[in-house]
Amino acid sequence: MKKAIITVVGKDSVGIIAKVCTYLSEKNINILDISQTITGGYFNMMMVVDLQLTSSSLDEIDNGLAALGNEIGVLIKMQLEEIFTSMHRI
């Protein structure tokens, strides 16, 4: 399994989860875990995904998520699990 962490942050609006999940589905990326909150009108979502079955490159996925974020007014970032874990180690 090749895992990645996707974060989505921005002003809340209708359809953020649907659009991100649709993009991932189209790329054959499975969502393993998802958490989202809305605080003071701001949306925050973190997803753990499995990249094992996608035929898209990491750059293609990352660029596509960034473009989708620009389109819907949020910031979307993706990091491989091992990089995310290393960066957030205490």
N, C-alpha and C. Protein backbone atom coordinates (compact mmCIF):
# COMPACT_ATOMS: atom_id res chain seq x y z
N MET A 1 0.85 -1.17 0.00
CA MET A 1 0.00 0.00 0.00
C MET A 1 0.89 1.24 0.00
N LYS A 2 0.56 2.19 -0.83
CA LYS A 2 1.30 3.45 -0.92
C LYS A 2 0.36 4.56 -0.45
N LYS A 3 0.58 5.04 0.78
CA LYS A 3 -0.33 6.00 1.38
C LYS A 3 0.17 7.44 1.22
N ALA A 4 -0.82 8.34 1.19
CA ALA A 4 -0.53 9.77 1.17
C ALA A 4 -1.53 10.47 2.07
N ILE A 5 -1.14 11.66 2.52
CA ILE A 5 -1.99 12.51 3.35
C ILE A 5 -2.40 13.70 2.49
N ILE A 6 -3.70 13.95 2.43
CA ILE A 6 -4.21 15.11 1.68
C ILE A 6 -4.89 16.03 2.69
N THR A 7 -4.52 17.32 2.64
CA THR A 7 -5.16 18.31 3.50
C THR A 7 -5.88 19.33 2.62
N VAL A 8 -7.03 19.77 3.10
CA VAL A 8 -7.85 20.76 2.40
C VAL A 8 -8.23 21.82 3.42
N VAL A 9 -7.90 23.07 3.14
CA VAL A 9 -8.17 24.17 4.08
C VAL A 9 -8.69 25.37 3.30
N GLY A 10 -9.72 26.02 3.84
CA GLY A 10 -10.23 27.23 3.21
C GLY A 10 -11.58 27.62 3.75
N LYS A 11 -12.14 28.67 3.19
CA LYS A 11 -13.47 29.13 3.58
C LYS A 11 -14.48 28.08 3.16
N ASP A 12 -15.41 27.77 4.05
CA ASP A 12 -16.40 26.72 3.78
C ASP A 12 -17.33 27.13 2.64
N SER A 13 -17.66 26.15 1.81
CA SER A 13 -18.66 26.34 0.75
C SER A 13 -19.24 24.97 0.40
N VAL A 14 -20.34 24.99 -0.30
CA VAL A 14 -21.03 23.77 -0.68
C VAL A 14 -20.19 22.97 -1.69
N GLY A 15 -20.04 21.67 -1.46
CA GLY A 15 -19.47 20.78 -2.46
C GLY A 15 -17.99 20.49 -2.36
N ILE A 16 -17.31 21.00 -1.35
CA ILE A 16 -15.86 20.78 -1.26
C ILE A 16 -15.56 19.28 -1.18
N ILE A 17 -16.19 18.60 -0.24
CA ILE A 17 -15.92 17.17 -0.07
C ILE A 17 -16.28 16.41 -1.34
N ALA A 18 -17.43 16.71 -1.92
CA ALA A 18 -17.87 16.01 -3.13
C ALA A 18 -16.88 16.19 -4.27
N LYS A 19 -16.39 17.39 -4.47
CA LYS A 19 -15.49 17.63 -5.59
C LYS A 19 -14.13 16.97 -5.38
N VAL A 20 -13.60 17.02 -4.16
CA VAL A 20 -12.32 16.37 -3.89
C VAL A 20 -12.46 14.85 -4.04
N CYS A 21 -13.53 14.29 -3.47
CA CYS A 21 -13.74 12.84 -3.56
C CYS A 21 -13.97 12.39 -4.99
N THR A 22 -14.67 13.18 -5.79
CA THR A 22 -14.88 12.85 -7.21
C THR A 22 -13.55 12.82 -7.95
N TYR A 23 -12.70 13.82 -7.69
CA TYR A 23 -11.38 13.85 -8.33
C TYR A 23 -10.59 12.59 -7.98
N LEU A 24 -10.57 12.25 -6.70
CA LEU A 24 -9.81 11.07 -6.27
C LEU A 24 -10.37 9.80 -6.90
N SER A 25 -11.67 9.69 -6.97
CA SER A 25 -12.30 8.52 -7.58
C SER A 25 -11.92 8.40 -9.06
N GLU A 26 -11.92 9.51 -9.76
CA GLU A 26 -11.55 9.51 -11.18
C GLU A 26 -10.10 9.08 -11.39
N LYS A 27 -9.26 9.29 -10.39
CA LYS A 27 -7.85 8.89 -10.46
C LYS A 27 -7.62 7.50 -9.87
N ASN A 28 -8.70 6.81 -9.47
CA ASN A 28 -8.62 5.47 -8.88
C ASN A 28 -7.81 5.48 -7.58
N ILE A 29 -8.05 6.50 -6.77
CA ILE A 29 -7.39 6.66 -5.47
C ILE A 29 -8.42 6.36 -4.39
N ASN A 30 -8.11 5.40 -3.52
CA ASN A 30 -9.02 4.97 -2.47
C ASN A 30 -8.82 5.80 -1.21
N ILE A 31 -9.92 6.26 -0.61
CA ILE A 31 -9.87 7.00 0.64
C ILE A 31 -9.93 5.98 1.78
N LEU A 32 -8.89 5.98 2.62
CA LEU A 32 -8.81 5.05 3.75
C LEU A 32 -9.39 5.65 5.02
N ASP A 33 -9.22 6.96 5.19
CA ASP A 33 -9.71 7.64 6.38
C ASP A 33 -9.95 9.10 6.02
N ILE A 34 -10.95 9.69 6.64
CA ILE A 34 -11.26 11.10 6.36
C ILE A 34 -11.79 11.75 7.62
N SER A 35 -11.34 12.98 7.86
CA SER A 35 -11.80 13.77 9.00
C SER A 35 -11.98 15.20 8.52
N GLN A 36 -13.09 15.82 8.90
CA GLN A 36 -13.28 17.20 8.51
C GLN A 36 -13.99 17.97 9.61
N THR A 37 -13.66 19.24 9.70
CA THR A 37 -14.30 20.13 10.67
C THR A 37 -14.55 21.48 10.00
N ILE A 38 -15.50 22.18 10.54
CA ILE A 38 -15.76 23.56 10.13
C ILE A 38 -15.76 24.39 11.40
N THR A 39 -14.87 25.37 11.45
CA THR A 39 -14.73 26.23 12.62
C THR A 39 -14.77 27.67 12.17
N GLY A 40 -15.72 28.41 12.69
CA GLY A 40 -15.81 29.83 12.36
C GLY A 40 -15.95 30.08 10.87
N GLY A 41 -16.59 29.17 10.15
CA GLY A 41 -16.79 29.34 8.71
C GLY A 41 -15.63 28.85 7.86
N TYR A 42 -14.61 28.27 8.50
CA TYR A 42 -13.45 27.76 7.76
C TYR A 42 -13.44 26.24 7.78
N PHE A 43 -13.21 25.68 6.62
CA PHE A 43 -13.25 24.24 6.39
C PHE A 43 -11.84 23.66 6.51
N ASN A 44 -11.73 22.52 7.19
CA ASN A 44 -10.46 21.82 7.33
C ASN A 44 -10.71 20.33 7.18
N MET A 45 -10.01 19.68 6.24
CA MET A 45 -10.19 18.25 6.03
C MET A 45 -8.82 17.60 5.88
N MET A 46 -8.71 16.42 6.47
CA MET A 46 -7.50 15.61 6.33
C MET A 46 -7.93 14.22 5.88
N MET A 47 -7.26 13.70 4.87
CA MET A 47 -7.58 12.38 4.34
C MET A 47 -6.32 11.54 4.27
N VAL A 48 -6.47 10.26 4.54
CA VAL A 48 -5.42 9.29 4.28
C VAL A 48 -5.91 8.49 3.07
N VAL A 49 -5.09 8.45 2.03
CA VAL A 49 -5.50 7.78 0.80
C VAL A 49 -4.48 6.73 0.38
N ASP A 50 -4.95 5.78 -0.42
CA ASP A 50 -4.09 4.73 -0.96
C ASP A 50 -3.88 5.00 -2.44
N LEU A 51 -2.62 5.20 -2.83
CA LEU A 51 -2.27 5.51 -4.23
C LEU A 51 -1.90 4.28 -5.04
N GLN A 52 -2.01 3.10 -4.44
CA GLN A 52 -1.52 1.86 -5.05
C GLN A 52 -2.10 1.61 -6.45
N LEU A 53 -3.38 1.88 -6.66
CA LEU A 53 -4.05 1.50 -7.91
C LEU A 53 -4.09 2.60 -8.97
N THR A 54 -3.64 3.79 -8.62
CA THR A 54 -3.70 4.87 -9.61
C THR A 54 -2.61 4.70 -10.66
N SER A 55 -2.94 5.09 -11.87
CA SER A 55 -1.94 5.07 -12.94
C SER A 55 -1.34 6.46 -13.15
N SER A 56 -1.81 7.44 -12.39
CA SER A 56 -1.32 8.81 -12.49
C SER A 56 -0.04 8.99 -11.67
N SER A 57 0.82 9.88 -12.14
CA SER A 57 2.05 10.17 -11.39
C SER A 57 1.71 11.05 -10.18
N LEU A 58 2.61 11.07 -9.21
CA LEU A 58 2.41 11.91 -8.03
C LEU A 58 2.31 13.38 -8.41
N ASP A 59 3.14 13.81 -9.35
CA ASP A 59 3.09 15.20 -9.81
C ASP A 59 1.75 15.53 -10.45
N GLU A 60 1.24 14.62 -11.27
CA GLU A 60 -0.05 14.84 -11.92
C GLU A 60 -1.16 14.96 -10.88
N ILE A 61 -1.16 14.09 -9.89
CA ILE A 61 -2.18 14.14 -8.84
C ILE A 61 -2.06 15.42 -8.04
N ASP A 62 -0.84 15.75 -7.62
CA ASP A 62 -0.60 16.95 -6.83
C ASP A 62 -1.01 18.21 -7.59
N ASN A 63 -0.63 18.30 -8.86
CA ASN A 63 -1.00 19.47 -9.68
C ASN A 63 -2.51 19.53 -9.90
N GLY A 64 -3.13 18.37 -10.10
CA GLY A 64 -4.58 18.33 -10.28
C GLY A 64 -5.32 18.78 -9.03
N LEU A 65 -4.84 18.34 -7.87
CA LEU A 65 -5.46 18.76 -6.61
C LEU A 65 -5.28 20.26 -6.39
N ALA A 66 -4.10 20.79 -6.70
CA ALA A 66 -3.85 22.23 -6.56
C ALA A 66 -4.78 23.02 -7.48
N ALA A 67 -4.95 22.56 -8.71
CA ALA A 67 -5.84 23.23 -9.66
C ALA A 67 -7.29 23.18 -9.18
N LEU A 68 -7.70 22.02 -8.66
CA LEU A 68 -9.05 21.90 -8.12
C LEU A 68 -9.24 22.85 -6.95
N GLY A 69 -8.25 22.93 -6.09
CA GLY A 69 -8.32 23.86 -4.96
C GLY A 69 -8.50 25.30 -5.42
N ASN A 70 -7.74 25.71 -6.44
CA ASN A 70 -7.90 27.06 -6.98
C ASN A 70 -9.30 27.27 -7.52
N GLU A 71 -9.83 26.26 -8.17
CA GLU A 71 -11.17 26.34 -8.77
C GLU A 71 -12.26 26.51 -7.70
N ILE A 72 -12.12 25.81 -6.58
CA ILE A 72 -13.17 25.85 -5.56
C ILE A 72 -12.82 26.75 -4.37
N GLY A 73 -11.68 27.40 -4.40
CA GLY A 73 -11.33 28.39 -3.39
C GLY A 73 -10.76 27.85 -2.09
N VAL A 74 -10.05 26.72 -2.17
CA VAL A 74 -9.39 26.16 -0.99
C VAL A 74 -7.96 25.80 -1.35
N LEU A 75 -7.15 25.52 -0.34
CA LEU A 75 -5.78 25.08 -0.54
C LEU A 75 -5.74 23.57 -0.32
N ILE A 76 -5.29 22.82 -1.32
CA ILE A 76 -5.20 21.37 -1.22
C ILE A 76 -3.74 20.96 -1.39
N LYS A 77 -3.24 20.20 -0.41
CA LYS A 77 -1.86 19.72 -0.44
C LYS A 77 -1.84 18.21 -0.25
N MET A 78 -0.87 17.55 -0.90
CA MET A 78 -0.70 16.12 -0.74
C MET A 78 0.76 15.83 -0.41
N GLN A 79 0.96 14.92 0.55
CA GLN A 79 2.30 14.47 0.91
C GLN A 79 2.27 12.96 1.08
N LEU A 80 3.32 12.30 0.65
CA LEU A 80 3.41 10.87 0.91
C LEU A 80 3.46 10.66 2.42
N GLU A 81 2.90 9.55 2.87
CA GLU A 81 2.79 9.29 4.30
C GLU A 81 4.14 9.34 5.01
N GLU A 82 5.17 8.76 4.41
CA GLU A 82 6.46 8.75 5.09
C GLU A 82 7.05 10.15 5.24
N ILE A 83 6.81 11.02 4.29
CA ILE A 83 7.29 12.41 4.40
C ILE A 83 6.49 13.14 5.47
N PHE A 84 5.16 12.97 5.44
CA PHE A 84 4.30 13.60 6.44
C PHE A 84 4.69 13.17 7.85
N THR A 85 4.90 11.88 8.04
CA THR A 85 5.27 11.33 9.35
C THR A 85 6.60 11.89 9.81
N SER A 86 7.58 11.96 8.92
CA SER A 86 8.89 12.50 9.27
C SER A 86 8.82 13.97 9.66
N MET A 87 8.01 14.74 8.94
CA MET A 87 7.91 16.17 9.20
C MET A 87 7.19 16.46 10.52
N HIS A 88 6.30 15.57 10.94
CA HIS A 88 5.49 15.85 12.12
C HIS A 88 5.89 14.98 13.33
N ARG A 89 7.08 14.45 13.28
CA ARG A 89 7.59 13.67 14.40
C ARG A 89 8.03 14.61 15.52
N ILE A 90 7.71 14.27 16.73
CA ILE A 90 8.05 15.13 17.88
C ILE A 90 9.47 14.85 18.31
